[in-house]
Amino acid sequence: MSYMTKALRYLPSLEFLRMQSFPIDFLPENAFPSLPYLKSLDLGLWRSLRAIHPQAFNGLNITVLNLNNWNLTNIPTRALQKLSRLMEPCFVVKLKKIDKQMTFLLSTGL
């Protein structure tokens, strides 16, 4: 379990989380545990991020997700497909490889 995941366990009532420019290179499985009230997740400017576990966002019921300015070239579809409550678009810049299901999810509302 990462230090980020451990720290978030103590914030179960959190509704908005902004973690811009976070210096990690891998988003692990269940990266945001025990956050049942989280509505908005801002992960913009994570330029050191190189990979996302397909189950990184498990258990989240967020309606807003910002993925702006990442250096990733691929995001696993499974990482985002359970985020069925997204109401705002995800913003992705410089994404080179993306499959059709995720393209629809990311372009909704743009």
PDB file of N, CA and C in Angstrom:
ATOM      1  N   MET A   1       0.844  -1.172   0.000  1.00  0.00           N
ATOM      2  CA  MET A   1       0.000   0.000   0.000  1.00  0.00           C
ATOM      3  C   MET A   1       0.900   1.249   0.000  1.00  0.00           C
ATOM      4  N   SER A   2       0.617   2.180  -0.883  1.00  0.00           N
ATOM      5  CA  SER A   2       1.443   3.382  -0.995  1.00  0.00           C
ATOM      6  C   SER A   2       1.162   4.356   0.143  1.00  0.00           C
ATOM      7  N   TYR A   3       2.087   5.274   0.345  1.00  0.00           N
ATOM      8  CA  TYR A   3       1.886   6.285   1.386  1.00  0.00           C
ATOM      9  C   TYR A   3       0.676   7.150   1.081  1.00  0.00           C
ATOM     10  N   MET A   4       0.392   7.399  -0.202  1.00  0.00           N
ATOM     11  CA  MET A   4      -0.781   8.170  -0.577  1.00  0.00           C
ATOM     12  C   MET A   4      -2.051   7.430  -0.157  1.00  0.00           C
ATOM     13  N   THR A   5      -2.120   6.147  -0.447  1.00  0.00           N
ATOM     14  CA  THR A   5      -3.278   5.334  -0.103  1.00  0.00           C
ATOM     15  C   THR A   5      -3.461   5.270   1.405  1.00  0.00           C
ATOM     16  N   LYS A   6      -2.379   5.099   2.131  1.00  0.00           N
ATOM     17  CA  LYS A   6      -2.452   5.055   3.592  1.00  0.00           C
ATOM     18  C   LYS A   6      -2.995   6.363   4.158  1.00  0.00           C
ATOM     19  N   ALA A   7      -2.525   7.472   3.655  1.00  0.00           N
ATOM     20  CA  ALA A   7      -2.954   8.780   4.150  1.00  0.00           C
ATOM     21  C   ALA A   7      -4.439   9.020   3.874  1.00  0.00           C
ATOM     22  N   LEU A   8      -4.920   8.617   2.712  1.00  0.00           N
ATOM     23  CA  LEU A   8      -6.314   8.858   2.344  1.00  0.00           C
ATOM     24  C   LEU A   8      -7.296   8.046   3.174  1.00  0.00           C
ATOM     25  N   ARG A   9      -6.857   6.956   3.762  1.00  0.00           N
ATOM     26  CA  ARG A   9      -7.747   6.143   4.602  1.00  0.00           C
ATOM     27  C   ARG A   9      -8.270   6.936   5.792  1.00  0.00           C
ATOM     28  N   TYR A  10      -7.564   7.974   6.193  1.00  0.00           N
ATOM     29  CA  TYR A  10      -7.970   8.764   7.351  1.00  0.00           C
ATOM     30  C   TYR A  10      -8.876   9.939   6.989  1.00  0.00           C
ATOM     31  N   LEU A  11      -9.312  10.003   5.744  1.00  0.00           N
ATOM     32  CA  LEU A  11     -10.159  11.104   5.273  1.00  0.00           C
ATOM     33  C   LEU A  11     -11.438  10.579   4.613  1.00  0.00           C
ATOM     34  N   PRO A  12     -12.213   9.735   5.293  1.00  0.00           N
ATOM     35  CA  PRO A  12     -13.365   9.097   4.639  1.00  0.00           C
ATOM     36  C   PRO A  12     -14.486  10.052   4.244  1.00  0.00           C
ATOM     37  N   SER A  13     -14.560  11.242   4.835  1.00  0.00           N
ATOM     38  CA  SER A  13     -15.620  12.194   4.511  1.00  0.00           C
ATOM     39  C   SER A  13     -15.244  13.182   3.411  1.00  0.00           C
ATOM     40  N   LEU A  14     -14.071  13.004   2.847  1.00  0.00           N
ATOM     41  CA  LEU A  14     -13.570  13.908   1.816  1.00  0.00           C
ATOM     42  C   LEU A  14     -14.499  13.929   0.605  1.00  0.00           C
ATOM     43  N   GLU A  15     -14.824  15.137   0.117  1.00  0.00           N
ATOM     44  CA  GLU A  15     -15.689  15.278  -1.057  1.00  0.00           C
ATOM     45  C   GLU A  15     -14.929  15.757  -2.288  1.00  0.00           C
ATOM     46  N   PHE A  16     -13.880  16.535  -2.100  1.00  0.00           N
ATOM     47  CA  PHE A  16     -13.103  17.086  -3.206  1.00  0.00           C
ATOM     48  C   PHE A  16     -11.631  16.851  -2.922  1.00  0.00           C
ATOM     49  N   LEU A  17     -10.921  16.323  -3.903  1.00  0.00           N
ATOM     50  CA  LEU A  17      -9.501  16.035  -3.727  1.00  0.00           C
ATOM     51  C   LEU A  17      -8.734  16.568  -4.925  1.00  0.00           C
ATOM     52  N   ARG A  18      -7.808  17.485  -4.647  1.00  0.00           N
ATOM     53  CA  ARG A  18      -6.975  18.061  -5.702  1.00  0.00           C
ATOM     54  C   ARG A  18      -5.537  17.667  -5.415  1.00  0.00           C
ATOM     55  N   MET A  19      -4.960  16.885  -6.284  1.00  0.00           N
ATOM     56  CA  MET A  19      -3.599  16.395  -6.101  1.00  0.00           C
ATOM     57  C   MET A  19      -2.782  16.706  -7.344  1.00  0.00           C
ATOM     58  N   GLN A  20      -2.679  17.952  -7.707  1.00  0.00           N
ATOM     59  CA  GLN A  20      -1.937  18.321  -8.903  1.00  0.00           C
ATOM     60  C   GLN A  20      -0.441  18.209  -8.668  1.00  0.00           C
ATOM     61  N   SER A  21       0.269  17.838  -9.721  1.00  0.00           N
ATOM     62  CA  SER A  21       1.732  17.722  -9.727  1.00  0.00           C
ATOM     63  C   SER A  21       2.253  16.747  -8.680  1.00  0.00           C
ATOM     64  N   PHE A  22       1.514  15.687  -8.439  1.00  0.00           N
ATOM     65  CA  PHE A  22       1.928  14.698  -7.445  1.00  0.00           C
ATOM     66  C   PHE A  22       3.099  13.896  -8.003  1.00  0.00           C
ATOM     67  N   PRO A  23       4.185  13.726  -7.252  1.00  0.00           N
ATOM     68  CA  PRO A  23       5.411  13.105  -7.782  1.00  0.00           C
ATOM     69  C   PRO A  23       5.457  11.578  -7.662  1.00  0.00           C
ATOM     70  N   ILE A  24       4.538  10.893  -8.321  1.00  0.00           N
ATOM     71  CA  ILE A  24       4.605   9.429  -8.333  1.00  0.00           C
ATOM     72  C   ILE A  24       4.638   8.959  -9.779  1.00  0.00           C
ATOM     73  N   ASP A  25       5.163   7.753  -9.996  1.00  0.00           N
ATOM     74  CA  ASP A  25       5.250   7.245 -11.358  1.00  0.00           C
ATOM     75  C   ASP A  25       4.262   6.110 -11.643  1.00  0.00           C
ATOM     76  N   PHE A  26       3.558   5.632 -10.604  1.00  0.00           N
ATOM     77  CA  PHE A  26       2.604   4.540 -10.790  1.00  0.00           C
ATOM     78  C   PHE A  26       1.401   4.753  -9.890  1.00  0.00           C
ATOM     79  N   LEU A  27       0.199   4.683 -10.462  1.00  0.00           N
ATOM     80  CA  LEU A  27      -1.036   4.773  -9.690  1.00  0.00           C
ATOM     81  C   LEU A  27      -1.478   3.341  -9.410  1.00  0.00           C
ATOM     82  N   PRO A  28      -1.402   2.881  -8.138  1.00  0.00           N
ATOM     83  CA  PRO A  28      -1.630   1.478  -7.814  1.00  0.00           C
ATOM     84  C   PRO A  28      -3.103   1.075  -7.768  1.00  0.00           C
ATOM     85  N   GLU A  29      -3.327  -0.206  -7.645  1.00  0.00           N
ATOM     86  CA  GLU A  29      -4.671  -0.755  -7.453  1.00  0.00           C
ATOM     87  C   GLU A  29      -5.281  -0.133  -6.205  1.00  0.00           C
ATOM     88  N   ASN A  30      -6.573   0.212  -6.289  1.00  0.00           N
ATOM     89  CA  ASN A  30      -7.297   0.809  -5.158  1.00  0.00           C
ATOM     90  C   ASN A  30      -6.550   2.010  -4.575  1.00  0.00           C
ATOM     91  N   ALA A  31      -6.120   2.893  -5.439  1.00  0.00           N
ATOM     92  CA  ALA A  31      -5.315   4.043  -5.018  1.00  0.00           C
ATOM     93  C   ALA A  31      -6.081   5.022  -4.126  1.00  0.00           C
ATOM     94  N   PHE A  32      -7.394   5.016  -4.225  1.00  0.00           N
ATOM     95  CA  PHE A  32      -8.220   5.952  -3.463  1.00  0.00           C
ATOM     96  C   PHE A  32      -9.251   5.178  -2.646  1.00  0.00           C
ATOM     97  N   PRO A  33      -8.817   4.509  -1.591  1.00  0.00           N
ATOM     98  CA  PRO A  33      -9.695   3.632  -0.825  1.00  0.00           C
ATOM     99  C   PRO A  33     -10.581   4.392   0.156  1.00  0.00           C
ATOM    100  N   SER A  34     -11.691   3.803   0.469  1.00  0.00           N
ATOM    101  CA  SER A  34     -12.557   4.307   1.548  1.00  0.00           C
ATOM    102  C   SER A  34     -12.897   5.779   1.419  1.00  0.00           C
ATOM    103  N   LEU A  35     -13.271   6.193   0.226  1.00  0.00           N
ATOM    104  CA  LEU A  35     -13.678   7.582   0.004  1.00  0.00           C
ATOM    105  C   LEU A  35     -15.092   7.601  -0.594  1.00  0.00           C
ATOM    106  N   PRO A  36     -16.080   7.145   0.168  1.00  0.00           N
ATOM    107  CA  PRO A  36     -17.439   7.002  -0.378  1.00  0.00           C
ATOM    108  C   PRO A  36     -18.119   8.311  -0.739  1.00  0.00           C
ATOM    109  N   TYR A  37     -17.659   9.433  -0.200  1.00  0.00           N
ATOM    110  CA  TYR A  37     -18.291  10.717  -0.462  1.00  0.00           C
ATOM    111  C   TYR A  37     -17.552  11.566  -1.489  1.00  0.00           C
ATOM    112  N   LEU A  38     -16.454  11.045  -2.009  1.00  0.00           N
ATOM    113  CA  LEU A  38     -15.661  11.811  -2.961  1.00  0.00           C
ATOM    114  C   LEU A  38     -16.459  12.065  -4.238  1.00  0.00           C
ATOM    115  N   LYS A  39     -16.528  13.344  -4.635  1.00  0.00           N
ATOM    116  CA  LYS A  39     -17.272  13.738  -5.830  1.00  0.00           C
ATOM    117  C   LYS A  39     -16.359  14.194  -6.956  1.00  0.00           C
ATOM    118  N   SER A  40     -15.236  14.814  -6.584  1.00  0.00           N
ATOM    119  CA  SER A  40     -14.360  15.409  -7.582  1.00  0.00           C
ATOM    120  C   SER A  40     -12.914  15.019  -7.298  1.00  0.00           C
ATOM    121  N   LEU A  41     -12.234  14.547  -8.336  1.00  0.00           N
ATOM    122  CA  LEU A  41     -10.841  14.129  -8.211  1.00  0.00           C
ATOM    123  C   LEU A  41     -10.021  14.837  -9.287  1.00  0.00           C
ATOM    124  N   ASP A  42      -9.085  15.678  -8.853  1.00  0.00           N
ATOM    125  CA  ASP A  42      -8.248  16.446  -9.768  1.00  0.00           C
ATOM    126  C   ASP A  42      -6.830  15.900  -9.691  1.00  0.00           C
ATOM    127  N   LEU A  43      -6.421  15.217 -10.741  1.00  0.00           N
ATOM    128  CA  LEU A  43      -5.089  14.631 -10.826  1.00  0.00           C
ATOM    129  C   LEU A  43      -4.286  15.267 -11.953  1.00  0.00           C
ATOM    130  N   GLY A  44      -4.518  16.529 -12.201  1.00  0.00           N
ATOM    131  CA  GLY A  44      -3.829  17.222 -13.277  1.00  0.00           C
ATOM    132  C   GLY A  44      -2.340  17.398 -13.010  1.00  0.00           C
ATOM    133  N   LEU A  45      -1.581  17.501 -14.077  1.00  0.00           N
ATOM    134  CA  LEU A  45      -0.149  17.793 -14.043  1.00  0.00           C
ATOM    135  C   LEU A  45       0.702  16.699 -13.397  1.00  0.00           C
ATOM    136  N   TRP A  46       0.279  15.457 -13.482  1.00  0.00           N
ATOM    137  CA  TRP A  46       1.082  14.346 -12.945  1.00  0.00           C
ATOM    138  C   TRP A  46       2.078  13.929 -14.019  1.00  0.00           C
ATOM    139  N   ARG A  47       3.063  14.745 -14.277  1.00  0.00           N
ATOM    140  CA  ARG A  47       3.991  14.505 -15.381  1.00  0.00           C
ATOM    141  C   ARG A  47       4.949  13.350 -15.148  1.00  0.00           C
ATOM    142  N   SER A  48       5.144  12.926 -13.906  1.00  0.00           N
ATOM    143  CA  SER A  48       6.035  11.793 -13.637  1.00  0.00           C
ATOM    144  C   SER A  48       5.312  10.454 -13.738  1.00  0.00           C
ATOM    145  N   LEU A  49       3.981  10.480 -13.857  1.00  0.00           N
ATOM    146  CA  LEU A  49       3.197   9.243 -13.923  1.00  0.00           C
ATOM    147  C   LEU A  49       3.467   8.492 -15.226  1.00  0.00           C
ATOM    148  N   ARG A  50       3.802   7.226 -15.106  1.00  0.00           N
ATOM    149  CA  ARG A  50       4.130   6.400 -16.266  1.00  0.00           C
ATOM    150  C   ARG A  50       3.140   5.256 -16.490  1.00  0.00           C
ATOM    151  N   ALA A  51       2.398   4.858 -15.438  1.00  0.00           N
ATOM    152  CA  ALA A  51       1.466   3.737 -15.583  1.00  0.00           C
ATOM    153  C   ALA A  51       0.344   3.836 -14.548  1.00  0.00           C
ATOM    154  N   ILE A  52      -0.814   3.278 -14.916  1.00  0.00           N
ATOM    155  CA  ILE A  52      -1.986   3.222 -14.044  1.00  0.00           C
ATOM    156  C   ILE A  52      -2.433   1.778 -13.960  1.00  0.00           C
ATOM    157  N   HIS A  53      -2.643   1.306 -12.749  1.00  0.00           N
ATOM    158  CA  HIS A  53      -3.186  -0.048 -12.587  1.00  0.00           C
ATOM    159  C   HIS A  53      -4.623  -0.028 -13.100  1.00  0.00           C
ATOM    160  N   PRO A  54      -5.071  -1.089 -13.786  1.00  0.00           N
ATOM    161  CA  PRO A  54      -6.442  -1.125 -14.313  1.00  0.00           C
ATOM    162  C   PRO A  54      -7.523  -0.963 -13.238  1.00  0.00           C
ATOM    163  N   GLN A  55      -7.189  -1.205 -11.985  1.00  0.00           N
ATOM    164  CA  GLN A  55      -8.171  -1.066 -10.910  1.00  0.00           C
ATOM    165  C   GLN A  55      -7.808   0.067  -9.944  1.00  0.00           C
ATOM    166  N   ALA A  56      -7.121   1.074 -10.451  1.00  0.00           N
ATOM    167  CA  ALA A  56      -6.684   2.199  -9.619  1.00  0.00           C
ATOM    168  C   ALA A  56      -7.852   2.993  -9.038  1.00  0.00           C
ATOM    169  N   PHE A  57      -8.940   3.118  -9.790  1.00  0.00           N
ATOM    170  CA  PHE A  57     -10.063   3.938  -9.347  1.00  0.00           C
ATOM    171  C   PHE A  57     -11.204   3.115  -8.756  1.00  0.00           C
ATOM    172  N   ASN A  58     -10.953   1.883  -8.381  1.00  0.00           N
ATOM    173  CA  ASN A  58     -11.986   1.015  -7.797  1.00  0.00           C
ATOM    174  C   ASN A  58     -12.661   1.683  -6.606  1.00  0.00           C
ATOM    175  N   GLY A  59     -13.978   1.530  -6.551  1.00  0.00           N
ATOM    176  CA  GLY A  59     -14.728   2.009  -5.404  1.00  0.00           C
ATOM    177  C   GLY A  59     -15.087   3.475  -5.417  1.00  0.00           C
ATOM    178  N   LEU A  60     -14.645   4.229  -6.416  1.00  0.00           N
ATOM    179  CA  LEU A  60     -14.969   5.650  -6.473  1.00  0.00           C
ATOM    180  C   LEU A  60     -16.302   5.871  -7.171  1.00  0.00           C
ATOM    181  N   ASN A  61     -17.048   6.867  -6.693  1.00  0.00           N
ATOM    182  CA  ASN A  61     -18.316   7.269  -7.303  1.00  0.00           C
ATOM    183  C   ASN A  61     -18.253   8.731  -7.707  1.00  0.00           C
ATOM    184  N   ILE A  62     -17.112   9.150  -8.220  1.00  0.00           N
ATOM    185  CA  ILE A  62     -16.903  10.558  -8.551  1.00  0.00           C
ATOM    186  C   ILE A  62     -17.724  10.992  -9.760  1.00  0.00           C
ATOM    187  N   THR A  63     -18.017  12.284  -9.796  1.00  0.00           N
ATOM    188  CA  THR A  63     -18.726  12.855 -10.941  1.00  0.00           C
ATOM    189  C   THR A  63     -17.802  13.738 -11.784  1.00  0.00           C
ATOM    190  N   VAL A  64     -16.637  14.119 -11.239  1.00  0.00           N
ATOM    191  CA  VAL A  64     -15.676  14.958 -11.956  1.00  0.00           C
ATOM    192  C   VAL A  64     -14.292  14.337 -11.825  1.00  0.00           C
ATOM    193  N   LEU A  65     -13.602  14.224 -12.952  1.00  0.00           N
ATOM    194  CA  LEU A  65     -12.242  13.693 -12.969  1.00  0.00           C
ATOM    195  C   LEU A  65     -11.391  14.519 -13.919  1.00  0.00           C
ATOM    196  N   ASN A  66     -10.306  15.083 -13.413  1.00  0.00           N
ATOM    197  CA  ASN A  66      -9.390  15.860 -14.244  1.00  0.00           C
ATOM    198  C   ASN A  66      -8.097  15.069 -14.408  1.00  0.00           C
ATOM    199  N   LEU A  67      -7.769  14.745 -15.644  1.00  0.00           N
ATOM    200  CA  LEU A  67      -6.528  14.049 -15.987  1.00  0.00           C
ATOM    201  C   LEU A  67      -5.694  14.908 -16.927  1.00  0.00           C
ATOM    202  N   ASN A  68      -5.745  16.189 -16.747  1.00  0.00           N
ATOM    203  CA  ASN A  68      -5.094  17.135 -17.646  1.00  0.00           C
ATOM    204  C   ASN A  68      -3.574  17.129 -17.505  1.00  0.00           C
ATOM    205  N   ASN A  69      -2.895  17.145 -18.651  1.00  0.00           N
ATOM    206  CA  ASN A  69      -1.436  17.271 -18.735  1.00  0.00           C
ATOM    207  C   ASN A  69      -0.656  16.126 -18.091  1.00  0.00           C
ATOM    208  N   TRP A  70      -1.000  14.937 -18.444  1.00  0.00           N
ATOM    209  CA  TRP A  70      -0.232  13.756 -18.042  1.00  0.00           C
ATOM    210  C   TRP A  70       0.715  13.421 -19.178  1.00  0.00           C
ATOM    211  N   ASN A  71       1.786  12.717 -18.893  1.00  0.00           N
ATOM    212  CA  ASN A  71       2.702  12.255 -19.932  1.00  0.00           C
ATOM    213  C   ASN A  71       2.429  10.806 -20.331  1.00  0.00           C
ATOM    214  N   LEU A  72       1.330  10.264 -19.901  1.00  0.00           N
ATOM    215  CA  LEU A  72       0.990   8.884 -20.256  1.00  0.00           C
ATOM    216  C   LEU A  72       0.700   8.763 -21.741  1.00  0.00           C
ATOM    217  N   THR A  73       1.039   7.619 -22.295  1.00  0.00           N
ATOM    218  CA  THR A  73       0.685   7.345 -23.678  1.00  0.00           C
ATOM    219  C   THR A  73      -0.458   6.342 -23.764  1.00  0.00           C
ATOM    220  N   ASN A  74      -0.837   5.764 -22.625  1.00  0.00           N
ATOM    221  CA  ASN A  74      -1.911   4.767 -22.611  1.00  0.00           C
ATOM    222  C   ASN A  74      -2.563   4.748 -21.234  1.00  0.00           C
ATOM    223  N   ILE A  75      -3.892   4.736 -21.203  1.00  0.00           N
ATOM    224  CA  ILE A  75      -4.644   4.569 -19.962  1.00  0.00           C
ATOM    225  C   ILE A  75      -5.492   3.317 -20.127  1.00  0.00           C
ATOM    226  N   PRO A  76      -5.386   2.347 -19.220  1.00  0.00           N
ATOM    227  CA  PRO A  76      -6.190   1.130 -19.347  1.00  0.00           C
ATOM    228  C   PRO A  76      -7.684   1.463 -19.291  1.00  0.00           C
ATOM    229  N   THR A  77      -8.435   0.967 -20.235  1.00  0.00           N
ATOM    230  CA  THR A  77      -9.873   1.200 -20.269  1.00  0.00           C
ATOM    231  C   THR A  77     -10.521   0.806 -18.956  1.00  0.00           C
ATOM    232  N   ARG A  78     -10.113  -0.325 -18.421  1.00  0.00           N
ATOM    233  CA  ARG A  78     -10.719  -0.810 -17.175  1.00  0.00           C
ATOM    234  C   ARG A  78     -10.511   0.167 -16.022  1.00  0.00           C
ATOM    235  N   ALA A  79      -9.517   1.003 -16.091  1.00  0.00           N
ATOM    236  CA  ALA A  79      -9.272   1.964 -15.020  1.00  0.00           C
ATOM    237  C   ALA A  79     -10.392   3.003 -14.937  1.00  0.00           C
ATOM    238  N   LEU A  80     -11.041   3.293 -16.061  1.00  0.00           N
ATOM    239  CA  LEU A  80     -12.066   4.327 -16.087  1.00  0.00           C
ATOM    240  C   LEU A  80     -13.487   3.815 -16.294  1.00  0.00           C
ATOM    241  N   GLN A  81     -13.651   2.604 -16.776  1.00  0.00           N
ATOM    242  CA  GLN A  81     -14.992   2.180 -17.166  1.00  0.00           C
ATOM    243  C   GLN A  81     -15.962   1.994 -16.004  1.00  0.00           C
ATOM    244  N   LYS A  82     -15.497   1.848 -14.785  1.00  0.00           N
ATOM    245  CA  LYS A  82     -16.415   1.725 -13.649  1.00  0.00           C
ATOM    246  C   LYS A  82     -16.828   3.086 -13.089  1.00  0.00           C
ATOM    247  N   LEU A  83     -16.296   4.151 -13.645  1.00  0.00           N
ATOM    248  CA  LEU A  83     -16.645   5.491 -13.201  1.00  0.00           C
ATOM    249  C   LEU A  83     -17.888   5.969 -13.956  1.00  0.00           C
ATOM    250  N   SER A  84     -18.987   5.290 -13.738  1.00  0.00           N
ATOM    251  CA  SER A  84     -20.210   5.521 -14.501  1.00  0.00           C
ATOM    252  C   SER A  84     -20.929   6.811 -14.126  1.00  0.00           C
ATOM    253  N   ARG A  85     -20.556   7.454 -13.047  1.00  0.00           N
ATOM    254  CA  ARG A  85     -21.242   8.669 -12.599  1.00  0.00           C
ATOM    255  C   ARG A  85     -20.579   9.950 -13.102  1.00  0.00           C
ATOM    256  N   LEU A  86     -19.547   9.831 -13.906  1.00  0.00           N
ATOM    257  CA  LEU A  86     -18.863  11.036 -14.389  1.00  0.00           C
ATOM    258  C   LEU A  86     -19.834  11.944 -15.137  1.00  0.00           C
ATOM    259  N   MET A  87     -19.903  13.193 -14.697  1.00  0.00           N
ATOM    260  CA  MET A  87     -20.787  14.167 -15.334  1.00  0.00           C
ATOM    261  C   MET A  87     -19.984  15.201 -16.109  1.00  0.00           C
ATOM    262  N   GLU A  88     -18.760  15.434 -15.696  1.00  0.00           N
ATOM    263  CA  GLU A  88     -17.877  16.380 -16.357  1.00  0.00           C
ATOM    264  C   GLU A  88     -16.887  15.585 -17.195  1.00  0.00           C
ATOM    265  N   PRO A  89     -16.357  16.195 -18.221  1.00  0.00           N
ATOM    266  CA  PRO A  89     -15.379  15.471 -19.026  1.00  0.00           C
ATOM    267  C   PRO A  89     -14.057  15.275 -18.300  1.00  0.00           C
ATOM    268  N   CYS A  90     -13.370  14.252 -18.700  1.00  0.00           N
ATOM    269  CA  CYS A  90     -11.989  14.077 -18.271  1.00  0.00           C
ATOM    270  C   CYS A  90     -11.158  14.838 -19.291  1.00  0.00           C
ATOM    271  N   PHE A  91     -10.144  15.499 -18.857  1.00  0.00           N
ATOM    272  CA  PHE A  91      -9.293  16.221 -19.775  1.00  0.00           C
ATOM    273  C   PHE A  91      -7.984  15.464 -19.919  1.00  0.00           C
ATOM    274  N   VAL A  92      -7.639  15.128 -21.129  1.00  0.00           N
ATOM    275  CA  VAL A  92      -6.411  14.381 -21.368  1.00  0.00           C
ATOM    276  C   VAL A  92      -5.648  15.069 -22.484  1.00  0.00           C
ATOM    277  N   VAL A  93      -4.401  15.334 -22.235  1.00  0.00           N
ATOM    278  CA  VAL A  93      -3.541  15.968 -23.221  1.00  0.00           C
ATOM    279  C   VAL A  93      -2.401  15.015 -23.551  1.00  0.00           C
ATOM    280  N   LYS A  94      -2.028  14.913 -24.808  1.00  0.00           N
ATOM    281  CA  LYS A  94      -0.913  14.088 -25.276  1.00  0.00           C
ATOM    282  C   LYS A  94      -1.154  12.586 -25.136  1.00  0.00           C
ATOM    283  N   LEU A  95      -2.392  12.156 -25.110  1.00  0.00           N
ATOM    284  CA  LEU A  95      -2.659  10.722 -25.015  1.00  0.00           C
ATOM    285  C   LEU A  95      -2.583  10.141 -26.418  1.00  0.00           C
ATOM    286  N   LYS A  96      -1.714   9.166 -26.617  1.00  0.00           N
ATOM    287  CA  LYS A  96      -1.471   8.636 -27.954  1.00  0.00           C
ATOM    288  C   LYS A  96      -2.224   7.349 -28.242  1.00  0.00           C
ATOM    289  N   LYS A  97      -2.443   6.523 -27.235  1.00  0.00           N
ATOM    290  CA  LYS A  97      -3.087   5.236 -27.473  1.00  0.00           C
ATOM    291  C   LYS A  97      -4.308   5.125 -26.573  1.00  0.00           C
ATOM    292  N   ILE A  98      -5.452   4.990 -27.188  1.00  0.00           N
ATOM    293  CA  ILE A  98      -6.690   4.960 -26.426  1.00  0.00           C
ATOM    294  C   ILE A  98      -7.689   4.114 -27.203  1.00  0.00           C
ATOM    295  N   ASP A  99      -8.490   3.325 -26.516  1.00  0.00           N
ATOM    296  CA  ASP A  99      -9.424   2.497 -27.278  1.00  0.00           C
ATOM    297  C   ASP A  99     -10.782   3.189 -27.416  1.00  0.00           C
ATOM    298  N   LYS A 100     -11.668   2.629 -28.224  1.00  0.00           N
ATOM    299  CA  LYS A 100     -12.918   3.293 -28.590  1.00  0.00           C
ATOM    300  C   LYS A 100     -13.828   3.555 -27.402  1.00  0.00           C
ATOM    301  N   GLN A 101     -13.969   2.621 -26.467  1.00  0.00           N
ATOM    302  CA  GLN A 101     -14.838   2.834 -25.317  1.00  0.00           C
ATOM    303  C   GLN A 101     -14.366   4.011 -24.489  1.00  0.00           C
ATOM    304  N   MET A 102     -13.092   4.111 -24.257  1.00  0.00           N
ATOM    305  CA  MET A 102     -12.570   5.176 -23.435  1.00  0.00           C
ATOM    306  C   MET A 102     -12.608   6.507 -24.179  1.00  0.00           C
ATOM    307  N   THR A 103     -12.432   6.504 -25.462  1.00  0.00           N
ATOM    308  CA  THR A 103     -12.516   7.740 -26.230  1.00  0.00           C
ATOM    309  C   THR A 103     -13.885   8.387 -26.014  1.00  0.00           C
ATOM    310  N   PHE A 104     -14.943   7.582 -26.006  1.00  0.00           N
ATOM    311  CA  PHE A 104     -16.280   8.106 -25.780  1.00  0.00           C
ATOM    312  C   PHE A 104     -16.391   8.698 -24.380  1.00  0.00           C
ATOM    313  N   LEU A 105     -15.878   7.985 -23.394  1.00  0.00           N
ATOM    314  CA  LEU A 105     -15.942   8.458 -22.021  1.00  0.00           C
ATOM    315  C   LEU A 105     -15.189   9.777 -21.866  1.00  0.00           C
ATOM    316  N   LEU A 106     -14.013   9.863 -22.440  1.00  0.00           N
ATOM    317  CA  LEU A 106     -13.195  11.055 -22.270  1.00  0.00           C
ATOM    318  C   LEU A 106     -13.713  12.242 -23.055  1.00  0.00           C
ATOM    319  N   SER A 107     -14.435  12.000 -24.127  1.00  0.00           N
ATOM    320  CA  SER A 107     -14.903  13.133 -24.934  1.00  0.00           C
ATOM    321  C   SER A 107     -16.301  13.587 -24.559  1.00  0.00           C
ATOM    322  N   THR A 108     -16.980  12.911 -23.657  1.00  0.00           N
ATOM    323  CA  THR A 108     -18.328  13.301 -23.262  1.00  0.00           C
ATOM    324  C   THR A 108     -18.316  14.710 -22.699  1.00  0.00           C
ATOM    325  N   GLY A 109     -19.127  15.557 -23.246  1.00  0.00           N
ATOM    326  CA  GLY A 109     -19.289  16.920 -22.740  1.00  0.00           C
ATOM    327  C   GLY A 109     -18.255  17.916 -23.235  1.00  0.00           C
ATOM    328  N   LEU A 110     -17.335  17.507 -24.056  1.00  0.00           N
ATOM    329  CA  LEU A 110     -16.328  18.467 -24.532  1.00  0.00           C
ATOM    330  C   LEU A 110     -16.888  19.324 -25.638  1.00  0.00           C
TER     331      LEU A 110
END
